[in-house]
């Protein structure tokens, strides 16, 4: 077993993962992420971005390969230890908002803190700080998910991930359900939070403009790391209206295999 580099908060070597239907998701992917770094994982749909984030976060175990967090082997942990690691050290943002319908916005954002044992008042303060920064404070913070627009629900999910002050934030296409103006604001908030709070961010994206905000980009294609992937920018009309872009455009990429 090879020891990870000392300056990498996350490190993975030769990850392999195959879906239940037998199709390969990761084929020997290795990656290192430095503390406080914003790393974009780019590639078209089906390239393995989400699977890589799920393996690095301990959400799933790779079928082969190693994952280390702060020199601790995640790939050898049992389910309970990996769940505790995700709860205590990691934050996760899904592509679509997933909230508890019975709770209002601030309660949803504060829920992970309260599950850790943080008092209700302190958890509310932390949640409200991020909700305000993401423009879902005030009256919106007291509304339940069905009373919010989809873009507002997604910002609540992002506030929930940031409120716990994670060491590493995994963001899987976090702005995909948002309009152009919302995307820009949310991405600015994410990057500013990462810089000011020393949060390491892994950002999965199929949008070249989003990837450009990162310190560094790792490109995937068909479950392998590649040297270059030319991602199509999202069409202005599609971003503004929230409608899908040209069919098949997401799958077009020019690439060369990494050495």
Protein backbone atom coordinates (compact mmCIF):
# COMPACT_ATOMS: atom_id res chain seq x y z
CA UNK A 1 0.00 0.00 0.00
CA UNK A 2 1.52 3.30 -1.13
CA UNK A 3 1.49 6.19 1.36
CA UNK A 4 -0.26 9.34 0.09
CA UNK A 5 1.65 12.63 -0.33
CA UNK A 6 1.74 14.77 2.82
CA UNK A 7 0.37 17.88 1.10
CA UNK A 8 -2.77 16.22 -0.29
CA UNK A 9 -5.91 16.32 1.86
CA UNK A 10 -7.50 13.80 -0.53
CA UNK A 11 -5.58 11.27 -2.57
CA UNK A 12 -6.76 8.38 -4.71
CA UNK A 13 -4.82 5.82 -6.70
CA UNK A 14 -5.99 3.58 -9.55
CA UNK A 15 -9.71 3.69 -8.76
CA UNK A 16 -11.93 1.19 -10.54
CA UNK A 17 -15.69 1.07 -10.28
CA UNK A 18 -18.26 -0.81 -12.37
CA UNK A 19 -21.99 -0.18 -12.37
CA UNK A 20 -24.48 -2.96 -11.64
CA UNK A 21 -25.18 -3.38 -15.33
CA UNK A 22 -21.50 -4.12 -15.97
CA UNK A 23 -20.61 -0.79 -17.58
CA UNK A 24 -17.33 0.72 -16.29
CA UNK A 25 -17.60 4.05 -14.43
CA UNK A 26 -13.95 4.48 -13.41
CA UNK A 27 -11.01 2.78 -15.06
CA UNK A 28 -7.81 3.37 -13.10
CA UNK A 29 -8.33 7.02 -12.11
CA UNK A 30 -5.74 8.60 -9.80
CA UNK A 31 -6.01 12.11 -8.36
CA UNK A 32 -4.66 14.26 -5.54
CA UNK A 33 -6.32 17.33 -4.01
CA UNK A 34 -4.44 19.87 -1.92
CA UNK A 35 -5.91 21.49 1.19
CA UNK A 36 -7.93 24.59 0.36
CA UNK A 37 -7.83 23.85 -3.37
CA UNK A 38 -10.83 24.16 -5.68
CA UNK A 39 -10.57 21.25 -8.09
CA UNK A 40 -12.95 20.95 -11.03
CA UNK A 41 -13.71 17.45 -12.29
CA UNK A 42 -14.84 18.04 -15.85
CA UNK A 43 -16.19 15.90 -18.64
CA UNK A 44 -19.40 15.15 -20.54
CA UNK A 45 -22.31 13.26 -19.05
CA UNK A 46 -21.40 9.65 -18.29
CA UNK A 47 -17.67 10.35 -18.01
CA UNK A 48 -17.44 9.21 -14.36
CA UNK A 49 -17.50 12.57 -12.56
CA UNK A 50 -20.21 11.69 -10.03
CA UNK A 51 -18.76 8.23 -9.38
CA UNK A 52 -15.34 9.73 -8.67
CA UNK A 53 -16.83 12.17 -6.14
CA UNK A 54 -18.84 9.38 -4.53
CA UNK A 55 -15.70 7.24 -4.14
CA UNK A 56 -13.59 10.10 -2.80
CA UNK A 57 -16.28 11.05 -0.27
CA UNK A 58 -16.70 7.48 1.01
CA UNK A 59 -20.28 7.34 -0.23
CA UNK A 60 -19.35 4.18 -2.12
CA UNK A 61 -16.26 1.97 -1.96
CA UNK A 62 -14.22 1.56 -5.12
CA UNK A 63 -13.98 -2.03 -6.31
CA UNK A 64 -10.23 -1.56 -6.64
CA UNK A 65 -7.80 1.19 -5.71
CA UNK A 66 -7.16 3.41 -2.69
CA UNK A 67 -8.73 6.56 -1.24
CA UNK A 68 -7.02 8.54 1.54
CA UNK A 69 -8.27 11.51 3.55
CA UNK A 70 -5.62 13.25 5.65
CA UNK A 71 -3.47 10.10 5.43
CA UNK A 72 -6.33 7.90 6.71
CA UNK A 73 -7.41 5.08 4.36
CA UNK A 74 -11.06 5.60 3.49
CA UNK A 75 -11.19 2.53 1.24
CA UNK A 76 -10.66 0.19 4.20
CA UNK A 77 -13.33 1.78 6.42
CA UNK A 78 -16.58 0.03 7.17
CA UNK A 79 -19.95 1.64 6.39
CA UNK A 80 -20.41 3.22 9.83
CA UNK A 81 -16.97 4.86 9.85
CA UNK A 82 -17.47 6.19 6.34
CA UNK A 83 -20.88 7.56 7.32
CA UNK A 84 -19.35 9.29 10.35
CA UNK A 85 -16.60 10.75 8.18
CA UNK A 86 -19.14 12.17 5.74
CA UNK A 87 -21.24 13.60 8.57
CA UNK A 88 -18.36 15.19 10.49
CA UNK A 89 -15.86 16.29 7.81
CA UNK A 90 -17.55 16.44 4.43
CA UNK A 91 -20.31 18.42 2.76
CA UNK A 92 -22.25 17.31 -0.31
CA UNK A 93 -24.36 19.19 -2.87
CA UNK A 94 -26.53 17.22 -5.30
CA UNK A 95 -27.44 18.41 -8.81
CA UNK A 96 -31.09 18.74 -7.76
CA UNK A 97 -32.44 20.01 -4.42
CA UNK A 98 -33.34 17.34 -1.88
CA UNK A 99 -34.94 18.76 1.28
CA UNK A 100 -37.07 17.47 4.15
CA UNK A 101 -40.60 18.65 3.23
CA UNK A 102 -41.80 18.98 6.85
CA UNK A 103 -38.99 21.42 7.76
CA UNK A 104 -38.69 25.05 6.73
CA UNK A 105 -35.64 26.42 4.90
CA UNK A 106 -33.51 27.31 7.91
CA UNK A 107 -34.35 24.05 9.67
CA UNK A 108 -33.26 22.14 6.57
CA UNK A 109 -30.01 24.10 6.42
CA UNK A 110 -29.39 23.57 10.15
CA UNK A 111 -30.36 19.89 10.23
CA UNK A 112 -26.85 18.39 9.80
CA UNK A 113 -25.54 20.59 12.62
CA UNK A 114 -28.34 19.54 14.94
CA UNK A 115 -27.71 15.89 14.05
CA UNK A 116 -24.12 16.44 15.20
CA UNK A 117 -25.43 17.64 18.57
CA UNK A 118 -25.20 21.40 18.00
CA UNK A 119 -27.81 23.37 19.95
CA UNK A 120 -30.82 24.66 18.03
CA UNK A 121 -29.99 28.35 18.50
CA UNK A 122 -26.36 27.97 17.43
CA UNK A 123 -27.34 25.79 14.47
CA UNK A 124 -29.94 28.34 13.37
CA UNK A 125 -27.37 31.16 13.52
CA UNK A 126 -24.94 29.25 11.30
CA UNK A 127 -27.69 28.28 8.87
CA UNK A 128 -29.09 31.81 8.65
CA UNK A 129 -25.65 33.24 7.92
CA UNK A 130 -25.36 31.16 4.77
CA UNK A 131 -29.00 31.52 3.78
CA UNK A 132 -28.60 35.30 3.92
CA UNK A 133 -25.45 35.14 1.79
CA UNK A 134 -27.35 33.03 -0.75
CA UNK A 135 -30.39 35.34 -0.77
CA UNK A 136 -32.82 32.93 0.86
CA UNK A 137 -32.90 34.59 4.28
CA UNK A 138 -35.72 36.65 5.82
CA UNK A 139 -39.21 35.35 5.05
CA UNK A 140 -37.89 32.70 2.67
CA UNK A 141 -35.96 31.08 5.52
CA UNK A 142 -39.28 30.34 7.28
CA UNK A 143 -40.93 28.78 4.25
CA UNK A 144 -41.18 25.07 3.58
CA UNK A 145 -39.66 23.58 0.43
CA UNK A 146 -42.95 23.47 -1.53
CA UNK A 147 -43.30 27.23 -1.01
CA UNK A 148 -39.90 27.97 -2.56
CA UNK A 149 -38.83 28.14 -6.18
CA UNK A 150 -36.49 25.42 -7.38
CA UNK A 151 -33.56 27.85 -7.48
CA UNK A 152 -34.28 28.83 -3.86
CA UNK A 153 -34.47 25.17 -2.82
CA UNK A 154 -31.09 24.51 -4.41
CA UNK A 155 -29.56 27.47 -2.57
CA UNK A 156 -30.92 26.06 0.69
CA UNK A 157 -29.11 22.80 -0.09
CA UNK A 158 -25.90 24.72 -0.71
CA UNK A 159 -26.33 26.63 2.56
CA UNK A 160 -26.87 23.30 4.35
CA UNK A 161 -23.57 21.97 2.97
CA UNK A 162 -21.63 25.12 3.95
CA UNK A 163 -23.19 25.60 7.40
CA UNK A 164 -21.39 22.56 8.80
CA UNK A 165 -17.98 24.11 7.94
CA UNK A 166 -16.80 21.00 6.07
CA UNK A 167 -13.14 20.22 5.52
CA UNK A 168 -14.06 19.08 2.00
CA UNK A 169 -17.11 20.08 -0.01
CA UNK A 170 -18.21 17.79 -2.83
CA UNK A 171 -20.37 19.69 -5.32
CA UNK A 172 -21.92 17.57 -8.07
CA UNK A 173 -23.14 19.99 -10.76
CA UNK A 174 -24.40 22.27 -7.96
CA UNK A 175 -25.76 25.00 -10.25
CA UNK A 176 -27.37 22.83 -12.93
CA UNK A 177 -30.99 23.71 -11.93
CA UNK A 178 -30.23 27.44 -11.69
CA UNK A 179 -30.64 30.27 -14.17
CA UNK A 180 -27.60 32.22 -15.37
CA UNK A 181 -27.76 35.03 -12.77
CA UNK A 182 -28.35 32.53 -9.97
CA UNK A 183 -25.44 30.39 -11.17
CA UNK A 184 -23.02 33.29 -11.11
CA UNK A 185 -24.07 34.36 -7.62
CA UNK A 186 -23.94 30.86 -6.17
CA UNK A 187 -20.56 30.10 -7.73
CA UNK A 188 -19.14 33.35 -6.36
CA UNK A 189 -20.44 32.42 -2.91
CA UNK A 190 -18.96 28.94 -3.14
CA UNK A 191 -15.54 30.10 -4.26
CA UNK A 192 -15.45 32.96 -1.74
CA UNK A 193 -16.42 30.57 1.07
CA UNK A 194 -13.73 28.13 0.03
CA UNK A 195 -11.05 30.83 0.00
CA UNK A 196 -12.08 32.51 3.25
CA UNK A 197 -12.79 29.32 5.24
CA UNK A 198 -10.04 27.11 3.83
CA UNK A 199 -12.55 24.61 2.41
CA UNK A 200 -11.32 22.12 -0.15
CA UNK A 201 -13.85 21.91 -3.00
CA UNK A 202 -14.33 19.18 -5.59
CA UNK A 203 -16.63 20.55 -8.25
CA UNK A 204 -18.05 18.19 -10.87
CA UNK A 205 -19.16 20.09 -13.94
CA UNK A 206 -19.82 19.72 -17.64
CA UNK A 207 -19.68 23.50 -18.17
CA UNK A 208 -16.37 25.02 -19.28
CA UNK A 209 -17.13 28.38 -17.67
CA UNK A 210 -17.78 26.77 -14.30
CA UNK A 211 -14.59 24.70 -14.54
CA UNK A 212 -12.62 27.87 -15.29
CA UNK A 213 -13.35 29.15 -11.77
CA UNK A 214 -11.31 26.32 -10.21
CA UNK A 215 -7.62 26.35 -9.34
CA UNK A 216 -7.09 23.23 -11.40
CA UNK A 217 -9.10 20.87 -13.59
CA UNK A 218 -9.07 17.09 -13.89
CA UNK A 219 -10.77 15.93 -17.08
CA UNK A 220 -12.54 12.57 -17.41
CA UNK A 221 -13.85 10.74 -20.44
CA UNK A 222 -15.35 7.23 -20.35
CA UNK A 223 -14.06 6.71 -16.81
CA UNK A 224 -10.45 7.63 -17.58
CA UNK A 225 -8.38 10.74 -16.96
CA UNK A 226 -7.55 12.56 -20.16
CA UNK A 227 -5.28 15.44 -20.97
CA UNK A 228 -7.88 17.70 -22.55
CA UNK A 229 -11.64 17.76 -22.87
CA UNK A 230 -13.23 20.66 -24.73
CA UNK A 231 -16.52 21.24 -22.95
CA UNK A 232 -19.23 23.12 -24.82
CA UNK A 233 -20.24 26.34 -23.05
CA UNK A 234 -23.89 26.40 -22.05
CA UNK A 235 -25.92 28.32 -24.61
CA UNK A 236 -26.97 31.75 -23.36
CA UNK A 237 -30.63 31.09 -24.14
CA UNK A 238 -30.54 27.73 -22.43
CA UNK A 239 -28.98 29.17 -19.27
CA UNK A 240 -31.33 32.10 -19.18
CA UNK A 241 -34.48 30.07 -19.66
CA UNK A 242 -33.44 26.90 -17.86
CA UNK A 243 -34.15 24.80 -20.95
CA UNK A 244 -31.79 22.07 -22.15
CA UNK A 245 -29.14 22.92 -24.74
CA UNK A 246 -28.74 21.37 -28.15
CA UNK A 247 -29.29 17.59 -27.96
CA UNK A 248 -26.04 15.72 -28.08
CA UNK A 249 -23.88 18.80 -27.47
CA UNK A 250 -23.00 17.65 -23.98
CA UNK A 251 -21.46 14.49 -25.33
CA UNK A 252 -19.12 16.19 -27.81
CA UNK A 253 -15.53 16.38 -26.56
CA UNK A 254 -12.05 16.37 -28.00
CA UNK A 255 -9.56 14.54 -25.83
CA UNK A 256 -6.21 12.85 -25.58
CA UNK A 257 -5.29 10.22 -23.00
CA UNK A 258 -3.07 11.31 -20.14
CA UNK A 259 0.43 9.96 -20.06
